[in-house]
Amino acid sequence: VTATAVAAIRLATHLGADRVEAGDAMPADLARELRAALR
């Protein structure tokens, strides 16, 4: 999960995206973990 967050933020930086967000379709516990890792 941490690796995913780091990789997504690196890609977002390249894309010029201001933020990375976890969608609502994934399981709630996984989304919470991913959002914490993104922060």
Full PDB file with SEQRES, HELIX, SHEET, SSBOND, CRYST1, ORIGX, SCALE, CONECT and MASTER records, all heavy atoms in Angstrom:
SEQRES   1 A   39  VAL THR ALA THR ALA VAL ALA ALA ILE ARG LEU ALA THR          
SEQRES   2 A   39  HIS LEU GLY ALA ASP ARG VAL GLU ALA GLY ASP ALA MET          
SEQRES   3 A   39  PRO ALA ASP LEU ALA ARG GLU LEU ARG ALA ALA LEU ARG          
HELIX    1 AA1 THR A    2  LEU A   15  1                                  14    
HELIX    2 AA2 ALA A   28  LEU A   38  1                                  11    
CRYST1    1.000    1.000    1.000  90.00  90.00  90.00 P 1           1          
ORIGX1      1.000000  0.000000  0.000000        0.00000                         
ORIGX2      0.000000  1.000000  0.000000        0.00000                         
ORIGX3      0.000000  0.000000  1.000000        0.00000                         
SCALE1      1.000000  0.000000  0.000000        0.00000                         
SCALE2      0.000000  1.000000  0.000000        0.00000                         
SCALE3      0.000000  0.000000  1.000000        0.00000                         
ATOM      1  N   VAL A   1       0.844  -1.200   0.000  1.00  0.00           N  
ATOM      2  CA  VAL A   1       0.000   0.000   0.000  1.00  0.00           C  
ATOM      3  C   VAL A   1       0.876   1.246   0.000  1.00  0.00           C  
ATOM      4  O   VAL A   1       0.618   2.214  -0.740  1.00  0.00           O  
ATOM      5  CB  VAL A   1      -0.959  -0.009   1.204  1.00  0.00           C  
ATOM      6  CG1 VAL A   1      -1.696   1.321   1.311  1.00  0.00           C  
ATOM      7  CG2 VAL A   1      -1.965  -1.148   1.065  1.00  0.00           C  
ATOM      8  N   THR A   2       1.931   1.242   0.818  1.00  0.00           N  
ATOM      9  CA  THR A   2       2.840   2.391   0.856  1.00  0.00           C  
ATOM     10  C   THR A   2       3.510   2.598  -0.496  1.00  0.00           C  
ATOM     11  O   THR A   2       3.623   3.722  -0.987  1.00  0.00           O  
ATOM     12  CB  THR A   2       3.907   2.190   1.943  1.00  0.00           C  
ATOM     13  OG1 THR A   2       3.274   2.115   3.219  1.00  0.00           O  
ATOM     14  CG2 THR A   2       4.909   3.332   1.951  1.00  0.00           C  
ATOM     15  N   ALA A   3       3.958   1.506  -1.124  1.00  0.00           N  
ATOM     16  CA  ALA A   3       4.594   1.601  -2.441  1.00  0.00           C  
ATOM     17  C   ALA A   3       3.627   2.174  -3.466  1.00  0.00           C  
ATOM     18  O   ALA A   3       4.007   2.996  -4.309  1.00  0.00           O  
ATOM     19  CB  ALA A   3       5.093   0.228  -2.874  1.00  0.00           C  
ATOM     20  N   THR A   4       2.384   1.749  -3.407  1.00  0.00           N  
ATOM     21  CA  THR A   4       1.374   2.264  -4.333  1.00  0.00           C  
ATOM     22  C   THR A   4       1.196   3.760  -4.162  1.00  0.00           C  
ATOM     23  O   THR A   4       1.117   4.513  -5.148  1.00  0.00           O  
ATOM     24  CB  THR A   4       0.038   1.540  -4.109  1.00  0.00           C  
ATOM     25  OG1 THR A   4       0.215   0.134  -4.321  1.00  0.00           O  
ATOM     26  CG2 THR A   4      -1.034   2.067  -5.048  1.00  0.00           C  
ATOM     27  N   ALA A   5       1.138   4.203  -2.919  1.00  0.00           N  
ATOM     28  CA  ALA A   5       0.962   5.630  -2.648  1.00  0.00           C  
ATOM     29  C   ALA A   5       2.139   6.441  -3.179  1.00  0.00           C  
ATOM     30  O   ALA A   5       1.955   7.483  -3.833  1.00  0.00           O  
ATOM     31  CB  ALA A   5       0.797   5.854  -1.146  1.00  0.00           C  
ATOM     32  N   VAL A   6       3.343   5.968  -2.918  1.00  0.00           N  
ATOM     33  CA  VAL A   6       4.538   6.692  -3.381  1.00  0.00           C  
ATOM     34  C   VAL A   6       4.568   6.737  -4.904  1.00  0.00           C  
ATOM     35  O   VAL A   6       4.834   7.781  -5.509  1.00  0.00           O  
ATOM     36  CB  VAL A   6       5.811   6.031  -2.821  1.00  0.00           C  
ATOM     37  CG1 VAL A   6       7.058   6.642  -3.453  1.00  0.00           C  
ATOM     38  CG2 VAL A   6       5.863   6.169  -1.307  1.00  0.00           C  
ATOM     39  N   ALA A   7       4.303   5.600  -5.539  1.00  0.00           N  
ATOM     40  CA  ALA A   7       4.325   5.546  -6.996  1.00  0.00           C  
ATOM     41  C   ALA A   7       3.264   6.459  -7.603  1.00  0.00           C  
ATOM     42  O   ALA A   7       3.509   7.139  -8.609  1.00  0.00           O  
ATOM     43  CB  ALA A   7       4.110   4.110  -7.462  1.00  0.00           C  
ATOM     44  N   ALA A   8       2.076   6.485  -7.000  1.00  0.00           N  
ATOM     45  CA  ALA A   8       0.997   7.320  -7.526  1.00  0.00           C  
ATOM     46  C   ALA A   8       1.328   8.798  -7.390  1.00  0.00           C  
ATOM     47  O   ALA A   8       1.052   9.600  -8.301  1.00  0.00           O  
ATOM     48  CB  ALA A   8      -0.303   6.994  -6.804  1.00  0.00           C  
ATOM     49  N   ILE A   9       1.919   9.188  -6.286  1.00  0.00           N  
ATOM     50  CA  ILE A   9       2.284  10.597  -6.094  1.00  0.00           C  
ATOM     51  C   ILE A   9       3.385  11.000  -7.075  1.00  0.00           C  
ATOM     52  O   ILE A   9       3.360  12.107  -7.634  1.00  0.00           O  
ATOM     53  CB  ILE A   9       2.708  10.844  -4.634  1.00  0.00           C  
ATOM     54  CG1 ILE A   9       1.468  10.799  -3.729  1.00  0.00           C  
ATOM     55  CG2 ILE A   9       3.422  12.179  -4.487  1.00  0.00           C  
ATOM     56  CD1 ILE A   9       1.756  10.905  -2.264  1.00  0.00           C  
ATOM     57  N   ARG A  10       4.338  10.101  -7.323  1.00  0.00           N  
ATOM     58  CA  ARG A  10       5.379  10.400  -8.313  1.00  0.00           C  
ATOM     59  C   ARG A  10       4.764  10.608  -9.690  1.00  0.00           C  
ATOM     60  O   ARG A  10       5.143  11.526 -10.420  1.00  0.00           O  
ATOM     61  CB  ARG A  10       6.411   9.277  -8.359  1.00  0.00           C  
ATOM     62  CG  ARG A  10       7.268   9.169  -7.121  1.00  0.00           C  
ATOM     63  CD  ARG A  10       8.341   8.105  -7.269  1.00  0.00           C  
ATOM     64  NE  ARG A  10       9.395   8.546  -8.173  1.00  0.00           N  
ATOM     65  CZ  ARG A  10       9.684   7.983  -9.337  1.00  0.00           C  
ATOM     66  NH1 ARG A  10       8.977   6.940  -9.761  1.00  0.00           N  
ATOM     67  NH2 ARG A  10      10.656   8.448 -10.098  1.00  0.00           N  
ATOM     68  N   LEU A  11       3.818   9.764 -10.048  1.00  0.00           N  
ATOM     69  CA  LEU A  11       3.180   9.911 -11.352  1.00  0.00           C  
ATOM     70  C   LEU A  11       2.348  11.189 -11.394  1.00  0.00           C  
ATOM     71  O   LEU A  11       2.351  11.916 -12.405  1.00  0.00           O  
ATOM     72  CB  LEU A  11       2.310   8.695 -11.662  1.00  0.00           C  
ATOM     73  CG  LEU A  11       1.574   8.739 -13.005  1.00  0.00           C  
ATOM     74  CD1 LEU A  11       2.544   8.913 -14.165  1.00  0.00           C  
ATOM     75  CD2 LEU A  11       0.739   7.476 -13.203  1.00  0.00           C  
ATOM     76  N   ALA A  12       1.630  11.478 -10.324  1.00  0.00           N  
ATOM     77  CA  ALA A  12       0.820  12.697 -10.285  1.00  0.00           C  
ATOM     78  C   ALA A  12       1.687  13.940 -10.459  1.00  0.00           C  
ATOM     79  O   ALA A  12       1.287  14.909 -11.123  1.00  0.00           O  
ATOM     80  CB  ALA A  12       0.047  12.765  -8.972  1.00  0.00           C  
ATOM     81  N   THR A  13       2.871  13.926  -9.863  1.00  0.00           N  
ATOM     82  CA  THR A  13       3.794  15.048 -10.022  1.00  0.00           C  
ATOM     83  C   THR A  13       4.136  15.256 -11.484  1.00  0.00           C  
ATOM     84  O   THR A  13       4.136  16.383 -11.991  1.00  0.00           O  
ATOM     85  CB  THR A  13       5.079  14.798  -9.212  1.00  0.00           C  
ATOM     86  OG1 THR A  13       4.739  14.684  -7.825  1.00  0.00           O  
ATOM     87  CG2 THR A  13       6.077  15.931  -9.404  1.00  0.00           C  
ATOM     88  N   HIS A  14       4.412  14.165 -12.178  1.00  0.00           N  
ATOM     89  CA  HIS A  14       4.700  14.278 -13.606  1.00  0.00           C  
ATOM     90  C   HIS A  14       3.495  14.797 -14.378  1.00  0.00           C  
ATOM     91  O   HIS A  14       3.632  15.641 -15.273  1.00  0.00           O  
ATOM     92  CB  HIS A  14       5.122  12.920 -14.179  1.00  0.00           C  
ATOM     93  CG  HIS A  14       5.069  12.880 -15.671  1.00  0.00           C  
ATOM     94  ND1 HIS A  14       5.947  13.586 -16.462  1.00  0.00           N  
ATOM     95  CD2 HIS A  14       4.204  12.267 -16.521  1.00  0.00           C  
ATOM     96  CE1 HIS A  14       5.639  13.401 -17.733  1.00  0.00           C  
ATOM     97  NE2 HIS A  14       4.585  12.605 -17.798  1.00  0.00           N  
ATOM     98  N   LEU A  15       2.318  14.309 -14.047  1.00  0.00           N  
ATOM     99  CA  LEU A  15       1.110  14.691 -14.777  1.00  0.00           C  
ATOM    100  C   LEU A  15       0.672  16.125 -14.475  1.00  0.00           C  
ATOM    101  O   LEU A  15      -0.161  16.689 -15.189  1.00  0.00           O  
ATOM    102  CB  LEU A  15      -0.037  13.739 -14.426  1.00  0.00           C  
ATOM    103  CG  LEU A  15       0.147  12.272 -14.821  1.00  0.00           C  
ATOM    104  CD1 LEU A  15      -0.996  11.428 -14.242  1.00  0.00           C  
ATOM    105  CD2 LEU A  15       0.210  12.115 -16.333  1.00  0.00           C  
ATOM    106  N   GLY A  16       1.207  16.694 -13.408  1.00  0.00           N  
ATOM    107  CA  GLY A  16       0.767  18.017 -12.990  1.00  0.00           C  
ATOM    108  C   GLY A  16      -0.541  17.980 -12.232  1.00  0.00           C  
ATOM    109  O   GLY A  16      -1.232  19.004 -12.110  1.00  0.00           O  
ATOM    110  N   ALA A  17      -0.898  16.810 -11.698  1.00  0.00           N  
ATOM    111  CA  ALA A  17      -2.110  16.673 -10.896  1.00  0.00           C  
ATOM    112  C   ALA A  17      -1.826  17.162  -9.482  1.00  0.00           C  
ATOM    113  O   ALA A  17      -0.787  16.841  -8.895  1.00  0.00           O  
ATOM    114  CB  ALA A  17      -2.570  15.221 -10.869  1.00  0.00           C  
ATOM    115  N   ASP A  18      -2.744  17.920  -8.919  1.00  0.00           N  
ATOM    116  CA  ASP A  18      -2.541  18.505  -7.594  1.00  0.00           C  
ATOM    117  C   ASP A  18      -2.634  17.483  -6.475  1.00  0.00           C  
ATOM    118  O   ASP A  18      -2.036  17.664  -5.407  1.00  0.00           O  
ATOM    119  CB  ASP A  18      -3.583  19.607  -7.342  1.00  0.00           C  
ATOM    120  CG  ASP A  18      -3.445  20.763  -8.319  1.00  0.00           C  
ATOM    121  OD1 ASP A  18      -2.301  21.032  -8.749  1.00  0.00           O  
ATOM    122  OD2 ASP A  18      -4.476  21.374  -8.661  1.00  0.00           O  
ATOM    123  N   ARG A  19      -3.373  16.420  -6.707  1.00  0.00           N  
ATOM    124  CA  ARG A  19      -3.596  15.473  -5.616  1.00  0.00           C  
ATOM    125  C   ARG A  19      -3.880  14.088  -6.170  1.00  0.00           C  
ATOM    126  O   ARG A  19      -4.225  13.927  -7.339  1.00  0.00           O  
ATOM    127  CB  ARG A  19      -4.754  15.930  -4.725  1.00  0.00           C  
ATOM    128  CG  ARG A  19      -6.091  16.027  -5.442  1.00  0.00           C  
ATOM    129  CD  ARG A  19      -7.123  16.772  -4.608  1.00  0.00           C  
ATOM    130  NE  ARG A  19      -8.465  16.733  -5.187  1.00  0.00           N  
ATOM    131  CZ  ARG A  19      -8.874  17.518  -6.164  1.00  0.00           C  
ATOM    132  NH1 ARG A  19      -8.051  18.408  -6.679  1.00  0.00           N  
ATOM    133  NH2 ARG A  19     -10.124  17.422  -6.620  1.00  0.00           N  
ATOM    134  N   VAL A  20      -3.737  13.107  -5.295  1.00  0.00           N  
ATOM    135  CA  VAL A  20      -4.090  11.723  -5.593  1.00  0.00           C  
ATOM    136  C   VAL A  20      -5.198  11.325  -4.639  1.00  0.00           C  
ATOM    137  O   VAL A  20      -5.116  11.581  -3.428  1.00  0.00           O  
ATOM    138  CB  VAL A  20      -2.884  10.775  -5.420  1.00  0.00           C  
ATOM    139  CG1 VAL A  20      -3.278   9.344  -5.757  1.00  0.00           C  
ATOM    140  CG2 VAL A  20      -1.710  11.232  -6.273  1.00  0.00           C  
ATOM    141  N   GLU A  21      -6.236  10.706  -5.178  1.00  0.00           N  
ATOM    142  CA  GLU A  21      -7.375  10.321  -4.348  1.00  0.00           C  
ATOM    143  C   GLU A  21      -7.685   8.844  -4.534  1.00  0.00           C  
ATOM    144  O   GLU A  21      -7.549   8.298  -5.633  1.00  0.00           O  
ATOM    145  CB  GLU A  21      -8.609  11.148  -4.696  1.00  0.00           C  
ATOM    146  CG  GLU A  21      -8.459  12.631  -4.397  1.00  0.00           C  
ATOM    147  CD  GLU A  21      -9.737  13.411  -4.704  1.00  0.00           C  
ATOM    148  OE1 GLU A  21     -10.742  12.783  -5.118  1.00  0.00           O  
ATOM    149  OE2 GLU A  21      -9.710  14.649  -4.556  1.00  0.00           O  
ATOM    150  N   ALA A  22      -8.098   8.217  -3.450  1.00  0.00           N  
ATOM    151  CA  ALA A  22      -8.561   6.829  -3.493  1.00  0.00           C  
ATOM    152  C   ALA A  22     -10.045   6.823  -3.797  1.00  0.00           C  
ATOM    153  O   ALA A  22     -10.824   7.536  -3.159  1.00  0.00           O  
ATOM    154  CB  ALA A  22      -8.289   6.142  -2.165  1.00  0.00           C  
ATOM    155  N   GLY A  23     -10.448   6.037  -4.779  1.00  0.00           N  
ATOM    156  CA  GLY A  23     -11.860   5.983  -5.152  1.00  0.00           C  
ATOM    157  C   GLY A  23     -12.707   5.230  -4.146  1.00  0.00           C  
ATOM    158  O   GLY A  23     -12.202   4.506  -3.280  1.00  0.00           O  
ATOM    159  N   ASP A  24     -13.995   5.376  -4.285  1.00  0.00           N  
ATOM    160  CA  ASP A  24     -14.929   4.757  -3.350  1.00  0.00           C  
ATOM    161  C   ASP A  24     -15.252   3.311  -3.695  1.00  0.00           C  
ATOM    162  O   ASP A  24     -15.916   2.627  -2.911  1.00  0.00           O  
ATOM    163  CB  ASP A  24     -16.241   5.562  -3.311  1.00  0.00           C  
ATOM    164  CG  ASP A  24     -16.034   6.978  -2.775  1.00  0.00           C  
ATOM    165  OD1 ASP A  24     -15.127   7.147  -1.931  1.00  0.00           O  
ATOM    166  OD2 ASP A  24     -16.747   7.884  -3.214  1.00  0.00           O  
ATOM    167  N   ALA A  25     -14.792   2.843  -4.871  1.00  0.00           N  
ATOM    168  CA  ALA A  25     -15.166   1.491  -5.298  1.00  0.00           C  
ATOM    169  C   ALA A  25     -14.380   0.409  -4.575  1.00  0.00           C  
ATOM    170  O   ALA A  25     -14.831  -0.723  -4.478  1.00  0.00           O  
ATOM    171  CB  ALA A  25     -14.973   1.346  -6.806  1.00  0.00           C  
ATOM    172  N   MET A  26     -13.191   0.745  -4.056  1.00  0.00           N  
ATOM    173  CA  MET A  26     -12.387  -0.264  -3.381  1.00  0.00           C  
ATOM    174  C   MET A  26     -12.913  -0.503  -1.962  1.00  0.00           C  
ATOM    175  O   MET A  26     -13.630   0.344  -1.403  1.00  0.00           O  
ATOM    176  CB  MET A  26     -10.912   0.143  -3.358  1.00  0.00           C  
ATOM    177  CG  MET A  26     -10.564   1.331  -2.507  1.00  0.00           C  
ATOM    178  SD  MET A  26      -8.792   1.757  -2.593  1.00  0.00           S  
ATOM    179  CE  MET A  26      -8.682   2.477  -4.237  1.00  0.00           C  
ATOM    180  N   PRO A  27     -12.583  -1.647  -1.362  1.00  0.00           N  
ATOM    181  CA  PRO A  27     -13.048  -1.924   0.007  1.00  0.00           C  
ATOM    182  C   PRO A  27     -12.691  -0.795   0.954  1.00  0.00           C  
ATOM    183  O   PRO A  27     -11.610  -0.187   0.851  1.00  0.00           O  
ATOM    184  CB  PRO A  27     -12.312  -3.217   0.356  1.00  0.00           C  
ATOM    185  CG  PRO A  27     -12.061  -3.879  -0.956  1.00  0.00           C  
ATOM    186  CD  PRO A  27     -11.815  -2.754  -1.927  1.00  0.00           C  
ATOM    187  N   ALA A  28     -13.572  -0.518   1.888  1.00  0.00           N  
ATOM    188  CA  ALA A  28     -13.420   0.645   2.770  1.00  0.00           C  
ATOM    189  C   ALA A  28     -12.127   0.593   3.574  1.00  0.00           C  
ATOM    190  O   ALA A  28     -11.442   1.614   3.747  1.00  0.00           O  
ATOM    191  CB  ALA A  28     -14.626   0.751   3.700  1.00  0.00           C  
ATOM    192  N   ASP A  29     -11.769  -0.599   4.085  1.00  0.00           N  
ATOM    193  CA  ASP A  29     -10.559  -0.684   4.899  1.00  0.00           C  
ATOM    194  C   ASP A  29      -9.314  -0.435   4.059  1.00  0.00           C  
ATOM    195  O   ASP A  29      -8.367   0.237   4.507  1.00  0.00           O  
ATOM    196  CB  ASP A  29     -10.471  -2.035   5.607  1.00  0.00           C  
ATOM    197  CG  ASP A  29     -10.473  -3.200   4.625  1.00  0.00           C  
ATOM    198  OD1 ASP A  29     -10.939  -3.036   3.481  1.00  0.00           O  
ATOM    199  OD2 ASP A  29     -10.010  -4.298   5.015  1.00  0.00           O  
ATOM    200  N   LEU A  30      -9.320  -0.925   2.818  1.00  0.00           N  
ATOM    201  CA  LEU A  30      -8.182  -0.704   1.932  1.00  0.00           C  
ATOM    202  C   LEU A  30      -8.102   0.767   1.541  1.00  0.00           C  
ATOM    203  O   LEU A  30      -7.005   1.339   1.470  1.00  0.00           O  
ATOM    204  CB  LEU A  30      -8.299  -1.592   0.698  1.00  0.00           C  
ATOM    205  CG  LEU A  30      -7.121  -1.584  -0.275  1.00  0.00           C  
ATOM    206  CD1 LEU A  30      -5.836  -1.990   0.436  1.00  0.00           C  
ATOM    207  CD2 LEU A  30      -7.400  -2.518  -1.450  1.00  0.00           C  
ATOM    208  N   ALA A  31      -9.234   1.390   1.281  1.00  0.00           N  
ATOM    209  CA  ALA A  31      -9.243   2.815   0.941  1.00  0.00           C  
ATOM    210  C   ALA A  31      -8.686   3.652   2.093  1.00  0.00           C  
ATOM    211  O   ALA A  31      -7.935   4.607   1.878  1.00  0.00           O  
ATOM    212  CB  ALA A  31     -10.659   3.249   0.591  1.00  0.00           C  
ATOM    213  N   ARG A  32      -9.050   3.285   3.339  1.00  0.00           N  
ATOM    214  CA  ARG A  32      -8.519   4.017   4.495  1.00  0.00           C  
ATOM    215  C   ARG A  32      -7.001   3.885   4.574  1.00  0.00           C  
ATOM    216  O   ARG A  32      -6.294   4.865   4.819  1.00  0.00           O  
ATOM    217  CB  ARG A  32      -9.161   3.504   5.787  1.00  0.00           C  
ATOM    218  CG  ARG A  32     -10.581   3.989   6.025  1.00  0.00           C  
ATOM    219  CD  ARG A  32     -11.009   3.742   7.466  1.00  0.00           C  
ATOM    220  NE  ARG A  32     -11.001   2.306   7.785  1.00  0.00           N  
ATOM    221  CZ  ARG A  32     -12.036   1.498   7.603  1.00  0.00           C  
ATOM    222  NH1 ARG A  32     -13.170   1.982   7.096  1.00  0.00           N  
ATOM    223  NH2 ARG A  32     -11.968   0.234   7.934  1.00  0.00           N  
ATOM    224  N   GLU A  33      -6.515   2.677   4.359  1.00  0.00           N  
ATOM    225  CA  GLU A  33      -5.064   2.463   4.408  1.00  0.00           C  
ATOM    226  C   GLU A  33      -4.359   3.251   3.315  1.00  0.00           C  
ATOM    227  O   GLU A  33      -3.299   3.842   3.546  1.00  0.00           O  
ATOM    228  CB  GLU A  33      -4.751   0.980   4.270  1.00  0.00           C  
ATOM    229  CG  GLU A  33      -5.176   0.130   5.455  1.00  0.00           C  
ATOM    230  CD  GLU A  33      -4.892  -1.347   5.204  1.00  0.00           C  
ATOM    231  OE1 GLU A  33      -3.757  -1.667   4.791  1.00  0.00           O  
ATOM    232  OE2 GLU A  33      -5.803  -2.168   5.416  1.00  0.00           O  
ATOM    233  N   LEU A  34      -4.943   3.246   2.135  1.00  0.00           N  
ATOM    234  CA  LEU A  34      -4.326   3.951   1.027  1.00  0.00           C  
ATOM    235  C   LEU A  34      -4.332   5.460   1.271  1.00  0.00           C  
ATOM    236  O   LEU A  34      -3.332   6.143   1.010  1.00  0.00           O  
ATOM    237  CB  LEU A  34      -5.049   3.610  -0.278  1.00  0.00           C  
ATOM    238  CG  LEU A  34      -4.527   4.297  -1.541  1.00  0.00           C  
ATOM    239  CD1 LEU A  34      -3.045   3.996  -1.756  1.00  0.00           C  
ATOM    240  CD2 LEU A  34      -5.334   3.862  -2.765  1.00  0.00           C  
ATOM    241  N   ARG A  35      -5.419   5.997   1.781  1.00  0.00           N  
ATOM    242  CA  ARG A  35      -5.472   7.436   2.058  1.00  0.00           C  
ATOM    243  C   ARG A  35      -4.448   7.838   3.127  1.00  0.00           C  
ATOM    244  O   ARG A  35      -3.802   8.883   3.017  1.00  0.00           O  
ATOM    245  CB  ARG A  35      -6.888   7.825   2.485  1.00  0.00           C  
ATOM    246  CG  ARG A  35      -7.886   7.774   1.328  1.00  0.00           C  
ATOM    247  CD  ARG A  35      -9.309   7.982   1.765  1.00  0.00           C  
ATOM    248  NE  ARG A  35     -10.221   7.806   0.625  1.00  0.00           N  
ATOM    249  CZ  ARG A  35     -11.324   7.095   0.646  1.00  0.00           C  
ATOM    250  NH1 ARG A  35     -11.704   6.482   1.768  1.00  0.00           N  
ATOM    251  NH2 ARG A  35     -12.084   6.982  -0.434  1.00  0.00           N  
ATOM    252  N   ALA A  36      -4.295   6.981   4.138  1.00  0.00           N  
ATOM    253  CA  ALA A  36      -3.283   7.254   5.165  1.00  0.00           C  
ATOM    254  C   ALA A  36      -1.887   7.211   4.561  1.00  0.00           C  
ATOM    255  O   ALA A  36      -1.018   8.052   4.886  1.00  0.00           O  
ATOM    256  CB  ALA A  36      -3.408   6.256   6.309  1.00  0.00           C  
ATOM    257  N   ALA A  37      -1.647   6.247   3.686  1.00  0.00           N  
ATOM    258  CA  ALA A  37      -0.334   6.145   3.040  1.00  0.00           C  
ATOM    259  C   ALA A  37      -0.078   7.341   2.128  1.00  0.00           C  
ATOM    260  O   ALA A  37       1.060   7.820   2.035  1.00  0.00           O  
ATOM    261  CB  ALA A  37      -0.251   4.848   2.252  1.00  0.00           C  
ATOM    262  N   LEU A  38      -1.107   7.820   1.440  1.00  0.00           N  
ATOM    263  CA  LEU A  38      -0.953   8.997   0.594  1.00  0.00           C  
ATOM    264  C   LEU A  38      -0.605  10.229   1.432  1.00  0.00           C  
ATOM    265  O   LEU A  38       0.255  11.025   1.047  1.00  0.00           O  
ATOM    266  CB  LEU A  38      -2.234   9.238  -0.208  1.00  0.00           C  
ATOM    267  CG  LEU A  38      -2.527   8.256  -1.342  1.00  0.00           C  
ATOM    268  CD1 LEU A  38      -3.943   8.404  -1.841  1.00  0.00           C  
ATOM    269  CD2 LEU A  38      -1.532   8.458  -2.491  1.00  0.00           C  
ATOM    270  N   ARG A  39      -1.252  10.381   2.573  1.00  0.00           N  
ATOM    271  CA  ARG A  39      -0.936  11.517   3.449  1.00  0.00           C  
ATOM    272  C   ARG A  39       0.502  11.432   3.930  1.00  0.00           C  
ATOM    273  O   ARG A  39       1.229  12.438   3.947  1.00  0.00           O  
ATOM    274  CB  ARG A  39      -1.905  11.561   4.629  1.00  0.00           C  
ATOM    275  CG  ARG A  39      -3.336  11.959   4.262  1.00  0.00           C  
ATOM    276  CD  ARG A  39      -4.139  12.292   5.510  1.00  0.00           C  
ATOM    277  NE  ARG A  39      -4.322  11.120   6.355  1.00  0.00           N  
ATOM    278  CZ  ARG A  39      -5.350  10.256   6.249  1.00  0.00           C  
ATOM    279  NH1 ARG A  39      -6.273  10.445   5.299  1.00  0.00           N  
ATOM    280  NH2 ARG A  39      -5.458   9.222   7.054  1.00  0.00           N  
TER     281      ARG A  39                                                      
MASTER        0    0    0    2    0    0    0    6  280    1    0    3          
END                                                                             
